[in-house]
């Protein structure tokens, strides 16, 4: 793709951000319906003392926890310790350059980082599936209801950017770039450590070790090809690069170790974050193997949209399920990414906040784009986008007024 194409994509995305935030500002300014009972009853709010102010519309729910951590820091026994440190630390460092306002720093960073993540997503999708699919996948991603959190002080912007950098690094075999992303992901979200799976899949399929190649050549080589000894000699030139690329598997562990060291330094307990999760009592790693609970939760929604038992969250999961066969055909590596980014959050939290957690599942949007391109009719895509945009708008209004959105 030529440079002017990238500039045009970036320009349109920037304009989309400006229009989006202008509309949100106008809605919060001229149509405020702040749920003050929820504001005062929340575990964390911004500002921490006094009544809600205009800025409170942009720091609801998890946003208030991240602002607390960026301004105050981690301390033993604080429920906010359940949130991972990369995002609040980034807000704290960036706030120095804009006069010390953590709220403004968080909003600016969220939009800058998500803009960068969207651009990279468009690039990798275009490289692999073509410009038409890439553009439609990008539009589907932006319109998706859960993508509202890319504009606010949530971890989605930085998490999605790191996922895209890791995916790009693996696709282009830029292991320096992949190293950085793989190290930082475990500091961003609990799922970050599981980036080991796509890394391992990539290495085993694209960079098999010499001994594995030797086995392949011994048992699978066609008649007349080089002997195992000759194959091993041929591969010896590449062995150093292969072993070095496999060191990428250490990167997530280094990031995870850094997380425990930081929590130990700040709170005196490396597992303080895990203990803080008890305040919510939702996500648990044991749920990943509790298939009956997962299936029961899928078919027992009790409310249209709420913290738990949301019909909307389950409906969004059904969209993901619909795309799974196509994702599998498009690429086995995409299926691995889908399991980590989509299936695991759905199981660990029994669909709690799933509409939000689904927004970084980039293979789903690629699969949807491929599907709509294949229909050769525009009205299904237009109808899907209109429905997504309407739900997106409703959730935005709920979010800025401290009503549950995800």
Protein backbone atom coordinates (compact mmCIF):
# COMPACT_ATOMS: atom_id res chain seq x y z
CA UNK A 1 0.00 0.00 0.00
CA UNK A 2 1.28 3.44 -0.86
CA UNK A 3 2.06 6.07 1.72
CA UNK A 4 -0.80 8.39 0.73
CA UNK A 5 -3.26 5.57 1.44
CA UNK A 6 -1.98 5.29 5.01
CA UNK A 7 -2.23 9.02 5.46
CA UNK A 8 -5.78 8.99 4.17
CA UNK A 9 -6.78 6.19 6.56
CA UNK A 10 -5.17 8.03 9.47
CA UNK A 11 -6.89 11.28 8.51
CA UNK A 12 -10.34 9.68 8.35
CA UNK A 13 -9.80 7.91 11.65
CA UNK A 14 -8.70 11.17 13.27
CA UNK A 15 -11.80 12.94 11.96
CA UNK A 16 -13.95 10.08 13.25
CA UNK A 17 -12.41 10.54 16.70
CA UNK A 18 -13.03 14.31 16.66
CA UNK A 19 -16.68 13.94 15.61
CA UNK A 20 -17.25 11.10 18.09
CA UNK A 21 -15.82 12.99 21.07
CA UNK A 22 -17.64 16.19 20.10
CA UNK A 23 -20.95 14.33 20.12
CA UNK A 24 -20.16 12.70 23.47
CA UNK A 25 -19.20 16.08 24.94
CA UNK A 26 -22.43 17.64 23.67
CA UNK A 27 -24.52 14.77 25.06
CA UNK A 28 -22.87 15.03 28.50
CA UNK A 29 -23.19 18.83 28.47
CA UNK A 30 -26.75 19.27 27.26
CA UNK A 31 -28.37 15.96 28.19
CA UNK A 32 -26.84 14.97 31.55
CA UNK A 33 -28.58 12.18 33.46
CA UNK A 34 -25.90 11.19 35.96
CA UNK A 35 -27.01 8.36 38.23
CA UNK A 36 -25.81 9.99 41.45
CA UNK A 37 -26.87 7.05 43.61
CA UNK A 38 -24.56 4.83 41.59
CA UNK A 39 -21.84 7.49 41.70
CA UNK A 40 -21.86 7.69 45.50
CA UNK A 41 -22.25 3.93 45.92
CA UNK A 42 -19.37 2.93 43.63
CA UNK A 43 -16.17 1.41 45.05
CA UNK A 44 -14.25 4.23 43.42
CA UNK A 45 -15.36 7.54 41.91
CA UNK A 46 -13.87 10.70 40.45
CA UNK A 47 -13.50 13.11 42.10
CA UNK A 48 -13.00 11.03 45.22
CA UNK A 49 -14.62 13.64 47.50
CA UNK A 50 -17.59 15.86 46.91
CA UNK A 51 -20.29 15.88 44.29
CA UNK A 52 -19.90 14.74 40.68
CA UNK A 53 -18.55 17.35 38.29
CA UNK A 54 -18.65 17.55 34.50
CA UNK A 55 -15.42 15.55 34.25
CA UNK A 56 -17.08 12.73 36.19
CA UNK A 57 -19.00 11.82 33.03
CA UNK A 58 -15.70 10.72 31.49
CA UNK A 59 -14.37 8.80 34.50
CA UNK A 60 -17.09 6.32 35.40
CA UNK A 61 -16.70 2.73 36.57
CA UNK A 62 -13.22 1.31 35.82
CA UNK A 63 -12.06 4.74 34.65
CA UNK A 64 -12.31 6.00 38.23
CA UNK A 65 -10.19 3.07 39.46
CA UNK A 66 -7.48 3.80 36.88
CA UNK A 67 -7.44 7.47 37.83
CA UNK A 68 -7.17 6.52 41.50
CA UNK A 69 -4.18 4.29 40.73
CA UNK A 70 -2.51 6.91 38.54
CA UNK A 71 -2.98 9.66 41.13
CA UNK A 72 -2.63 7.76 44.44
CA UNK A 73 -0.99 4.45 43.53
CA UNK A 74 -1.34 0.90 44.82
CA UNK A 75 -1.80 0.14 48.52
CA UNK A 76 -2.52 -2.99 50.50
CA UNK A 77 -6.21 -3.80 50.81
CA UNK A 78 -7.39 -1.38 48.11
CA UNK A 79 -9.98 -2.92 45.73
CA UNK A 80 -8.34 -1.00 42.87
CA UNK A 81 -5.32 -3.32 43.15
CA UNK A 82 -7.30 -5.76 40.99
CA UNK A 83 -6.43 -3.56 37.98
CA UNK A 84 -3.09 -4.07 36.25
CA UNK A 85 -0.45 -1.32 36.42
CA UNK A 86 0.65 -0.55 32.86
CA UNK A 87 -2.29 1.68 32.00
CA UNK A 88 -2.39 3.82 35.21
CA UNK A 89 1.41 4.19 35.13
CA UNK A 90 1.24 5.38 31.52
CA UNK A 91 -1.41 7.96 32.48
CA UNK A 92 0.74 9.16 35.39
CA UNK A 93 3.84 9.59 33.23
CA UNK A 94 1.95 11.36 30.46
CA UNK A 95 0.15 13.73 32.84
CA UNK A 96 3.48 15.44 33.55
CA UNK A 97 3.45 16.87 30.01
CA UNK A 98 -0.05 18.37 30.17
CA UNK A 99 -0.06 20.21 33.48
CA UNK A 100 -0.70 17.28 35.80
CA UNK A 101 -4.32 16.52 34.87
CA UNK A 102 -4.68 12.73 35.00
CA UNK A 103 -8.21 12.90 33.57
CA UNK A 104 -7.13 14.80 30.45
CA UNK A 105 -4.01 12.63 30.14
CA UNK A 106 -6.10 9.46 30.26
CA UNK A 107 -8.58 10.68 27.66
CA UNK A 108 -5.85 11.87 25.29
CA UNK A 109 -3.86 8.66 25.67
CA UNK A 110 -6.93 6.47 25.19
CA UNK A 111 -7.70 8.11 21.85
CA UNK A 112 -4.10 8.34 20.65
CA UNK A 113 -3.35 4.70 21.45
CA UNK A 114 -6.60 3.36 20.04
CA UNK A 115 -6.06 5.42 16.89
CA UNK A 116 -2.63 3.81 16.50
CA UNK A 117 -4.11 0.37 17.16
CA UNK A 118 -6.80 0.89 14.50
CA UNK A 119 -4.21 1.97 11.94
CA UNK A 120 -2.08 -1.11 12.59
CA UNK A 121 -5.18 -3.33 12.46
CA UNK A 122 -6.06 -1.91 9.05
CA UNK A 123 -2.50 -2.50 7.87
CA UNK A 124 -2.22 -6.14 8.94
CA UNK A 125 -5.71 -6.94 7.64
CA UNK A 126 -4.88 -5.33 4.27
CA UNK A 127 -1.57 -7.20 4.06
CA UNK A 128 -3.27 -10.55 4.51
CA UNK A 129 -6.79 -10.16 3.13
CA UNK A 130 -6.78 -7.10 0.88
CA UNK A 131 -7.86 -3.49 1.14
CA UNK A 132 -11.61 -4.12 0.80
CA UNK A 133 -11.72 -6.57 3.69
CA UNK A 134 -9.42 -4.38 5.79
CA UNK A 135 -11.57 -1.28 5.38
CA UNK A 136 -14.81 -3.07 6.17
CA UNK A 137 -13.25 -4.85 9.16
CA UNK A 138 -12.07 -1.48 10.50
CA UNK A 139 -15.54 0.07 10.13
CA UNK A 140 -17.12 -2.95 11.83
CA UNK A 141 -14.63 -2.69 14.70
CA UNK A 142 -15.27 1.02 15.27
CA UNK A 143 -19.07 0.66 15.10
CA UNK A 144 -19.13 -2.36 17.43
CA UNK A 145 -21.02 -1.52 20.68
CA UNK A 146 -18.14 -2.54 22.95
CA UNK A 147 -15.71 -0.29 21.07
CA UNK A 148 -16.96 2.74 22.97
CA UNK A 149 -14.26 1.98 25.55
CA UNK A 150 -11.52 2.86 23.05
CA UNK A 151 -12.42 6.50 23.69
CA UNK A 152 -12.35 6.43 27.50
CA UNK A 153 -9.99 5.73 30.39
CA UNK A 154 -10.12 1.96 30.11
CA UNK A 155 -7.35 -0.51 29.30
CA UNK A 156 -8.85 -1.44 25.90
CA UNK A 157 -6.83 1.18 23.93
CA UNK A 158 -3.39 0.15 25.19
CA UNK A 159 -4.28 -3.55 25.26
CA UNK A 160 -5.50 -3.54 21.66
CA UNK A 161 -2.44 -1.59 20.50
CA UNK A 162 -0.11 -4.14 22.14
CA UNK A 163 -2.06 -7.04 20.62
CA UNK A 164 -1.75 -5.45 17.18
CA UNK A 165 1.97 -4.80 17.65
CA UNK A 166 2.52 -8.42 18.65
CA UNK A 167 0.47 -9.68 15.71
CA UNK A 168 2.35 -7.39 13.32
CA UNK A 169 5.69 -8.44 14.79
CA UNK A 170 4.86 -12.11 14.27
CA UNK A 171 3.49 -11.54 10.77
CA UNK A 172 6.57 -9.60 9.63
CA UNK A 173 8.94 -11.66 11.83
CA UNK A 174 9.97 -8.48 13.59
CA UNK A 175 10.85 -10.20 16.83
CA UNK A 176 12.18 -7.04 18.43
CA UNK A 177 8.73 -5.49 18.10
CA UNK A 178 7.08 -8.72 19.24
CA UNK A 179 9.37 -8.84 22.29
CA UNK A 180 8.27 -5.40 23.49
CA UNK A 181 4.57 -6.16 23.05
CA UNK A 182 4.84 -9.62 24.65
CA UNK A 183 6.65 -8.18 27.68
CA UNK A 184 4.07 -5.45 28.23
CA UNK A 185 0.87 -7.44 27.70
CA UNK A 186 1.04 -9.28 31.08
CA UNK A 187 1.39 -5.86 32.75
CA UNK A 188 -1.78 -4.67 31.03
CA UNK A 189 -4.37 -7.38 31.64
CA UNK A 190 -4.60 -10.86 33.19
CA UNK A 191 -5.02 -12.33 29.71
CA UNK A 192 -1.67 -10.87 28.70
CA UNK A 193 0.28 -13.90 29.87
CA UNK A 194 -1.66 -16.09 27.43
CA UNK A 195 -0.04 -14.35 24.47
CA UNK A 196 2.30 -17.32 24.87
CA UNK A 197 -0.17 -19.37 22.81
CA UNK A 198 -0.10 -17.39 19.54
CA UNK A 199 3.65 -16.93 19.93
CA UNK A 200 4.16 -20.68 20.33
CA UNK A 201 1.84 -21.41 17.40
CA UNK A 202 3.74 -19.01 15.17
CA UNK A 203 7.13 -20.44 16.11
CA UNK A 204 6.09 -24.06 15.67
CA UNK A 205 4.52 -23.42 12.27
CA UNK A 206 6.87 -20.77 10.87
CA UNK A 207 10.14 -21.40 12.70
CA UNK A 208 10.42 -25.12 13.54
CA UNK A 209 13.58 -26.02 15.39
CA UNK A 210 16.32 -27.94 13.51
CA UNK A 211 15.65 -31.22 15.35
CA UNK A 212 11.98 -31.01 14.35
CA UNK A 213 12.96 -30.37 10.74
CA UNK A 214 15.28 -33.34 10.88
CA UNK A 215 12.42 -35.58 12.01
CA UNK A 216 10.22 -34.19 9.26
CA UNK A 217 12.90 -34.81 6.63
CA UNK A 218 13.51 -38.34 7.87
CA UNK A 219 9.94 -39.53 7.96
CA UNK A 220 8.19 -37.29 5.46
CA UNK A 221 10.74 -36.46 2.73
CA UNK A 222 9.83 -37.51 -0.83
CA UNK A 223 12.06 -39.97 -2.63
CA UNK A 224 15.21 -38.43 -4.03
CA UNK A 225 15.40 -35.54 -1.56
CA UNK A 226 18.29 -34.93 0.80
CA UNK A 227 19.00 -37.38 3.61
CA UNK A 228 18.36 -36.46 7.24
CA UNK A 229 22.05 -35.70 7.70
CA UNK A 230 22.08 -33.43 4.67
CA UNK A 231 18.87 -31.74 5.82
CA UNK A 232 20.37 -31.13 9.25
CA UNK A 233 23.49 -29.65 7.72
CA UNK A 234 21.37 -27.40 5.53
CA UNK A 235 19.39 -26.24 8.53
CA UNK A 236 22.45 -25.54 10.67
CA UNK A 237 22.77 -22.09 9.13
CA UNK A 238 19.29 -21.25 10.38
CA UNK A 239 19.57 -22.91 13.78
CA UNK A 240 20.94 -19.85 15.54
CA UNK A 241 18.11 -17.64 14.28
CA UNK A 242 15.52 -20.27 15.21
CA UNK A 243 16.78 -20.59 18.78
CA UNK A 244 16.92 -16.82 19.12
CA UNK A 245 13.36 -16.45 17.88
CA UNK A 246 12.21 -19.06 20.42
CA UNK A 247 13.53 -16.82 23.18
CA UNK A 248 10.42 -14.74 22.46
CA UNK A 249 8.57 -17.26 24.63
CA UNK A 250 10.39 -15.77 27.63
CA UNK A 251 8.98 -12.29 27.06
CA UNK A 252 5.52 -12.86 28.61
CA UNK A 253 7.13 -14.49 31.66
CA UNK A 254 9.39 -11.48 32.12
CA UNK A 255 6.40 -9.18 31.98
CA UNK A 256 4.51 -11.36 34.44
CA UNK A 257 7.49 -11.41 36.79
CA UNK A 258 7.67 -7.62 36.59
CA UNK A 259 4.00 -7.44 37.58
CA UNK A 260 4.55 -9.53 40.71
CA UNK A 261 7.67 -7.55 41.62
CA UNK A 262 5.82 -4.26 41.30
CA UNK A 263 2.91 -5.45 43.41
CA UNK A 264 5.31 -6.75 46.03
CA UNK A 265 7.15 -3.42 46.07
CA UNK A 266 3.97 -1.36 46.34
CA UNK A 267 1.83 -3.48 48.68
CA UNK A 268 4.17 -5.99 50.30
CA UNK A 269 2.26 -8.85 48.68
CA UNK A 270 2.98 -10.02 45.11
CA UNK A 271 -0.51 -11.57 44.95
CA UNK A 272 -2.37 -8.48 46.17
CA UNK A 273 -4.02 -8.07 42.78
CA UNK A 274 -5.39 -11.61 42.86
CA UNK A 275 -6.75 -11.10 46.36
CA UNK A 276 -8.37 -7.82 45.33
CA UNK A 277 -10.42 -9.70 42.72
CA UNK A 278 -12.48 -11.08 45.60
CA UNK A 279 -14.21 -7.70 45.88
CA UNK A 280 -15.92 -8.50 42.58
CA UNK A 281 -16.22 -12.26 42.85
CA UNK A 282 -16.81 -12.73 39.11
CA UNK A 283 -13.72 -13.73 37.15
CA UNK A 284 -11.95 -16.93 38.12
CA UNK A 285 -9.41 -19.09 36.30
CA UNK A 286 -11.32 -22.16 37.55
CA UNK A 287 -14.23 -21.12 35.31
CA UNK A 288 -12.09 -21.94 32.27
CA UNK A 289 -12.58 -25.65 32.93
CA UNK A 290 -16.14 -25.43 34.27
CA UNK A 291 -18.00 -26.12 31.04
CA UNK A 292 -21.42 -26.83 32.70
CA UNK A 293 -21.35 -23.41 34.40
CA UNK A 294 -20.41 -21.78 31.09
CA UNK A 295 -23.24 -23.44 29.16
CA UNK A 296 -25.77 -22.76 31.92
CA UNK A 297 -24.71 -19.10 31.98
CA UNK A 298 -25.03 -18.82 28.22
CA UNK A 299 -28.69 -19.89 28.21
CA UNK A 300 -29.89 -18.13 31.37
CA UNK A 301 -29.91 -14.37 30.74
CA UNK A 302 -32.24 -12.50 33.10
CA UNK A 303 -31.82 -8.85 32.04
CA UNK A 304 -31.44 -6.96 28.79
CA UNK A 305 -28.12 -5.48 29.91
CA UNK A 306 -26.62 -5.43 33.38
CA UNK A 307 -23.46 -6.34 35.27
CA UNK A 308 -24.36 -10.03 35.14
CA UNK A 309 -26.91 -12.14 33.24
CA UNK A 310 -26.96 -9.70 30.31
CA UNK A 311 -28.83 -10.72 27.17
CA UNK A 312 -26.76 -8.25 25.15
CA UNK A 313 -23.47 -9.83 26.27
CA UNK A 314 -24.74 -13.28 25.31
CA UNK A 315 -26.02 -12.01 21.97
CA UNK A 316 -22.60 -10.59 21.20
CA UNK A 317 -21.08 -13.95 22.07
CA UNK A 318 -23.41 -15.63 19.59
CA UNK A 319 -22.03 -13.31 16.89
CA UNK A 320 -18.55 -14.54 17.80
CA UNK A 321 -19.69 -18.17 17.65
CA UNK A 322 -21.16 -17.58 14.20
CA UNK A 323 -17.80 -16.38 12.89
CA UNK A 324 -15.71 -19.22 14.38
CA UNK A 325 -15.88 -21.59 11.37
CA UNK A 326 -14.86 -18.80 9.01
CA UNK A 327 -12.06 -17.69 11.36
CA UNK A 328 -10.77 -21.28 11.35
CA UNK A 329 -10.70 -21.31 7.55
CA UNK A 330 -9.04 -17.90 7.32
CA UNK A 331 -6.14 -18.96 9.54
CA UNK A 332 -5.44 -21.30 12.42
CA UNK A 333 -3.40 -18.55 14.09
CA UNK A 334 -6.50 -16.34 14.05
CA UNK A 335 -8.39 -19.14 15.81
CA UNK A 336 -5.75 -19.17 18.55
CA UNK A 337 -6.09 -15.41 18.97
CA UNK A 338 -9.88 -15.75 19.09
CA UNK A 339 -9.68 -18.31 21.88
CA UNK A 340 -7.49 -16.03 24.00
CA UNK A 341 -9.23 -12.73 23.32
CA UNK A 342 -12.83 -13.95 23.09
CA UNK A 343 -13.51 -17.41 24.48
CA UNK A 344 -11.39 -17.14 27.61
CA UNK A 345 -12.97 -13.86 28.86
CA UNK A 346 -16.44 -15.26 28.19
CA UNK A 347 -15.68 -18.37 30.25
CA UNK A 348 -13.65 -16.80 33.07
CA UNK A 349 -16.33 -14.22 33.88
CA UNK A 350 -19.42 -16.13 32.67
CA UNK A 351 -20.10 -13.37 30.09
CA UNK A 352 -19.77 -10.47 32.55
CA UNK A 353 -18.80 -7.34 30.55
CA UNK A 354 -18.38 -9.51 27.47
CA UNK A 355 -19.50 -6.83 25.01
CA UNK A 356 -16.50 -4.80 26.16
CA UNK A 357 -14.09 -7.73 26.24
CA UNK A 358 -15.16 -8.71 22.73
CA UNK A 359 -14.04 -5.41 21.21
CA UNK A 360 -10.33 -6.45 20.86
CA UNK A 361 -11.22 -9.79 19.19
CA UNK A 362 -9.85 -8.61 15.84
CA UNK A 363 -10.28 -11.96 13.96
CA UNK A 364 -14.04 -11.68 14.44
CA UNK A 365 -14.17 -8.35 12.60
CA UNK A 366 -12.01 -9.72 9.79
CA UNK A 367 -14.31 -12.73 9.48
CA UNK A 368 -17.40 -10.50 9.46
CA UNK A 369 -15.82 -8.35 6.75
CA UNK A 370 -15.03 -11.42 4.63
CA UNK A 371 -18.60 -12.62 5.11
CA UNK A 372 -20.15 -9.31 4.06
CA UNK A 373 -17.81 -9.01 1.07
CA UNK A 374 -18.90 -12.49 0.00
CA UNK A 375 -22.61 -11.64 0.16
CA UNK A 376 -22.15 -9.17 -2.74
CA UNK A 377 -25.10 -7.17 -1.40
CA UNK A 378 -24.72 -4.05 0.66
CA UNK A 379 -27.92 -4.10 2.67
CA UNK A 380 -26.84 -6.85 5.15
CA UNK A 381 -23.69 -4.87 5.97
CA UNK A 382 -25.62 -1.60 6.24
CA UNK A 383 -28.24 -3.18 8.48
CA UNK A 384 -25.57 -4.71 10.72
CA UNK A 385 -23.72 -1.40 10.98
CA UNK A 386 -26.90 0.52 11.81
CA UNK A 387 -27.78 -1.94 14.57
CA UNK A 388 -24.20 -1.77 15.91
CA UNK A 389 -24.17 2.03 15.84
CA UNK A 390 -27.53 2.29 17.64
CA UNK A 391 -26.43 -0.08 20.39
CA UNK A 392 -23.09 1.74 20.56
CA UNK A 393 -24.82 5.09 21.03
CA UNK A 394 -27.11 3.75 23.76
CA UNK A 395 -24.18 2.26 25.67
CA UNK A 396 -22.17 5.49 25.38
CA UNK A 397 -25.01 7.50 26.87
CA UNK A 398 -25.35 4.97 29.68
CA UNK A 399 -21.62 4.94 30.32
CA UNK A 400 -21.12 8.71 30.67
CA UNK A 401 -24.08 8.85 33.07
CA UNK A 402 -22.77 6.12 35.39
CA UNK A 403 -25.24 3.53 34.17
CA UNK A 404 -23.93 0.09 33.34
CA UNK A 405 -22.45 -0.24 29.86
CA UNK A 406 -19.81 -2.93 30.20
